[in-house]
Amino acid sequence: MGISLGSLLIWGLPLVVCVVLGSILLNISIAMASGREFSSEVFLVAVEIACGSGLASVAGALLI
């Protein structure tokens, strides 16, 4: 969360889209590296984690 919060503080809230997309890609790649095949379940879990990361970063940026 530190890197995403820092980037939102420096470049602004429109960058939250990049934070969410990066989190989705990272979580999918971690799931694939652990031996799981790509499925809708893997994708939905990655999207849920990414939404949480994005919301946490936005909340932190707004509070600071």
N, C-alpha and C. Protein backbone atom coordinates (compact mmCIF):
# COMPACT_ATOMS: atom_id res chain seq x y z
N MET A 1 0.81 -1.18 0.00
CA MET A 1 0.00 0.00 0.00
C MET A 1 0.86 1.25 0.00
N GLY A 2 2.06 1.17 0.45
CA GLY A 2 2.90 2.35 0.55
C GLY A 2 3.24 2.96 -0.79
N ILE A 3 3.55 2.12 -1.77
CA ILE A 3 3.90 2.64 -3.10
C ILE A 3 2.68 3.25 -3.76
N SER A 4 1.54 2.59 -3.65
CA SER A 4 0.33 3.14 -4.28
C SER A 4 -0.11 4.42 -3.59
N LEU A 5 -0.01 4.48 -2.28
CA LEU A 5 -0.37 5.71 -1.56
C LEU A 5 0.57 6.84 -1.94
N GLY A 6 1.84 6.57 -2.00
CA GLY A 6 2.80 7.59 -2.40
C GLY A 6 2.55 8.11 -3.81
N SER A 7 2.22 7.19 -4.73
CA SER A 7 1.96 7.62 -6.11
C SER A 7 0.69 8.45 -6.20
N LEU A 8 -0.32 8.11 -5.40
CA LEU A 8 -1.54 8.92 -5.41
C LEU A 8 -1.30 10.29 -4.80
N LEU A 9 -0.44 10.36 -3.80
CA LEU A 9 -0.14 11.66 -3.20
C LEU A 9 0.67 12.55 -4.14
N ILE A 10 1.55 11.94 -4.92
CA ILE A 10 2.39 12.72 -5.82
C ILE A 10 1.65 13.11 -7.09
N TRP A 11 0.99 12.12 -7.74
CA TRP A 11 0.39 12.37 -9.05
C TRP A 11 -1.12 12.54 -9.05
N GLY A 12 -1.76 12.34 -7.93
CA GLY A 12 -3.19 12.61 -7.84
C GLY A 12 -4.07 11.37 -7.93
N LEU A 13 -5.34 11.59 -7.64
CA LEU A 13 -6.32 10.50 -7.57
C LEU A 13 -6.64 9.82 -8.90
N PRO A 14 -6.50 10.47 -10.05
CA PRO A 14 -6.79 9.75 -11.29
C PRO A 14 -5.87 8.53 -11.51
N LEU A 15 -4.79 8.47 -10.81
CA LEU A 15 -3.87 7.35 -10.95
C LEU A 15 -4.39 6.08 -10.28
N VAL A 16 -5.51 6.16 -9.59
CA VAL A 16 -6.05 4.98 -8.89
C VAL A 16 -6.40 3.87 -9.90
N VAL A 17 -6.71 4.23 -11.12
CA VAL A 17 -6.99 3.22 -12.14
C VAL A 17 -5.75 2.36 -12.38
N CYS A 18 -4.60 2.99 -12.45
CA CYS A 18 -3.35 2.25 -12.64
C CYS A 18 -3.04 1.37 -11.44
N VAL A 19 -3.34 1.84 -10.25
CA VAL A 19 -3.12 1.05 -9.04
C VAL A 19 -3.98 -0.21 -9.07
N VAL A 20 -5.24 -0.06 -9.44
CA VAL A 20 -6.15 -1.20 -9.48
C VAL A 20 -5.75 -2.19 -10.57
N LEU A 21 -5.42 -1.70 -11.76
CA LEU A 21 -5.01 -2.60 -12.84
C LEU A 21 -3.71 -3.33 -12.51
N GLY A 22 -2.77 -2.62 -11.92
CA GLY A 22 -1.52 -3.25 -11.52
C GLY A 22 -1.73 -4.32 -10.46
N SER A 23 -2.63 -4.07 -9.54
CA SER A 23 -2.94 -5.05 -8.50
C SER A 23 -3.61 -6.28 -9.09
N ILE A 24 -4.51 -6.08 -10.05
CA ILE A 24 -5.15 -7.22 -10.71
C ILE A 24 -4.11 -8.09 -11.41
N LEU A 25 -3.24 -7.46 -12.17
CA LEU A 25 -2.22 -8.22 -12.90
C LEU A 25 -1.26 -8.93 -11.95
N LEU A 26 -0.88 -8.28 -10.88
CA LEU A 26 0.03 -8.89 -9.92
C LEU A 26 -0.61 -10.11 -9.26
N ASN A 27 -1.86 -9.98 -8.84
CA ASN A 27 -2.52 -11.10 -8.17
C ASN A 27 -2.77 -12.26 -9.11
N ILE A 28 -3.10 -11.98 -10.36
CA ILE A 28 -3.27 -13.07 -11.34
C ILE A 28 -1.94 -13.77 -11.59
N SER A 29 -0.86 -13.00 -11.71
CA SER A 29 0.44 -13.62 -11.97
C SER A 29 0.92 -14.45 -10.78
N ILE A 30 0.61 -14.01 -9.57
CA ILE A 30 0.98 -14.81 -8.39
C ILE A 30 0.18 -16.10 -8.36
N ALA A 31 -1.11 -16.04 -8.69
CA ALA A 31 -1.92 -17.25 -8.73
C ALA A 31 -1.44 -18.22 -9.79
N MET A 32 -1.06 -17.70 -10.95
CA MET A 32 -0.57 -18.56 -12.03
C MET A 32 0.79 -19.17 -11.67
N ALA A 33 1.62 -18.41 -10.98
CA ALA A 33 2.94 -18.93 -10.60
C ALA A 33 2.84 -20.02 -9.55
N SER A 34 1.76 -20.00 -8.78
CA SER A 34 1.60 -21.02 -7.75
C SER A 34 0.98 -22.31 -8.29
N GLY A 35 0.76 -22.36 -9.59
CA GLY A 35 0.29 -23.59 -10.21
C GLY A 35 -1.18 -23.64 -10.52
N ARG A 36 -1.92 -22.58 -10.24
CA ARG A 36 -3.35 -22.56 -10.55
C ARG A 36 -3.56 -22.17 -12.00
N GLU A 37 -4.57 -22.75 -12.60
CA GLU A 37 -4.93 -22.36 -13.96
C GLU A 37 -5.82 -21.12 -13.91
N PHE A 38 -5.77 -20.35 -14.98
CA PHE A 38 -6.59 -19.14 -15.03
C PHE A 38 -8.06 -19.54 -15.13
N SER A 39 -8.87 -19.00 -14.25
CA SER A 39 -10.31 -19.27 -14.25
C SER A 39 -11.03 -18.01 -13.80
N SER A 40 -12.34 -18.08 -13.86
CA SER A 40 -13.12 -16.92 -13.42
C SER A 40 -12.96 -16.69 -11.92
N GLU A 41 -12.74 -17.76 -11.18
CA GLU A 41 -12.53 -17.63 -9.73
C GLU A 41 -11.25 -16.85 -9.43
N VAL A 42 -10.18 -17.19 -10.13
CA VAL A 42 -8.91 -16.49 -9.94
C VAL A 42 -9.07 -15.01 -10.30
N PHE A 43 -9.77 -14.75 -11.40
CA PHE A 43 -9.97 -13.38 -11.84
C PHE A 43 -10.81 -12.58 -10.83
N LEU A 44 -11.89 -13.17 -10.34
CA LEU A 44 -12.75 -12.46 -9.39
C LEU A 44 -12.04 -12.17 -8.07
N VAL A 45 -11.25 -13.12 -7.60
CA VAL A 45 -10.49 -12.88 -6.37
C VAL A 45 -9.48 -11.76 -6.59
N ALA A 46 -8.83 -11.76 -7.74
CA ALA A 46 -7.86 -10.70 -8.05
C ALA A 46 -8.54 -9.34 -8.12
N VAL A 47 -9.74 -9.28 -8.69
CA VAL A 47 -10.48 -8.02 -8.78
C VAL A 47 -10.90 -7.54 -7.39
N GLU A 48 -11.35 -8.47 -6.55
CA GLU A 48 -11.74 -8.08 -5.19
C GLU A 48 -10.57 -7.53 -4.40
N ILE A 49 -9.42 -8.17 -4.51
CA ILE A 49 -8.23 -7.68 -3.81
C ILE A 49 -7.82 -6.32 -4.36
N ALA A 50 -7.90 -6.16 -5.67
CA ALA A 50 -7.51 -4.89 -6.29
C ALA A 50 -8.44 -3.75 -5.88
N CYS A 51 -9.73 -4.04 -5.78
CA CYS A 51 -10.67 -3.00 -5.33
C CYS A 51 -10.36 -2.58 -3.90
N GLY A 52 -10.03 -3.53 -3.06
CA GLY A 52 -9.66 -3.20 -1.69
C GLY A 52 -8.39 -2.37 -1.63
N SER A 53 -7.41 -2.73 -2.46
CA SER A 53 -6.16 -1.96 -2.49
C SER A 53 -6.40 -0.54 -2.98
N GLY A 54 -7.21 -0.42 -4.02
CA GLY A 54 -7.51 0.91 -4.55
C GLY A 54 -8.25 1.78 -3.55
N LEU A 55 -9.25 1.20 -2.89
CA LEU A 55 -10.01 1.96 -1.90
C LEU A 55 -9.15 2.35 -0.70
N ALA A 56 -8.28 1.47 -0.28
CA ALA A 56 -7.39 1.79 0.84
C ALA A 56 -6.43 2.92 0.47
N SER A 57 -5.93 2.90 -0.74
CA SER A 57 -5.02 3.96 -1.17
C SER A 57 -5.74 5.29 -1.29
N VAL A 58 -6.96 5.27 -1.84
CA VAL A 58 -7.74 6.51 -1.96
C VAL A 58 -8.07 7.06 -0.58
N ALA A 59 -8.48 6.20 0.32
CA ALA A 59 -8.81 6.64 1.68
C ALA A 59 -7.58 7.25 2.37
N GLY A 60 -6.45 6.60 2.21
CA GLY A 60 -5.23 7.15 2.80
C GLY A 60 -4.84 8.48 2.21
N ALA A 61 -4.98 8.61 0.87
CA ALA A 61 -4.63 9.87 0.22
C ALA A 61 -5.57 10.99 0.63
N LEU A 62 -6.84 10.66 0.82
CA LEU A 62 -7.78 11.70 1.23
C LEU A 62 -7.61 12.10 2.69
N LEU A 63 -7.17 11.16 3.51
CA LEU A 63 -6.97 11.48 4.91
C LEU A 63 -5.69 12.26 5.16
N ILE A 64 -4.72 12.11 4.30
CA ILE A 64 -3.47 12.84 4.46
C ILE A 64 -3.63 14.14 3.76
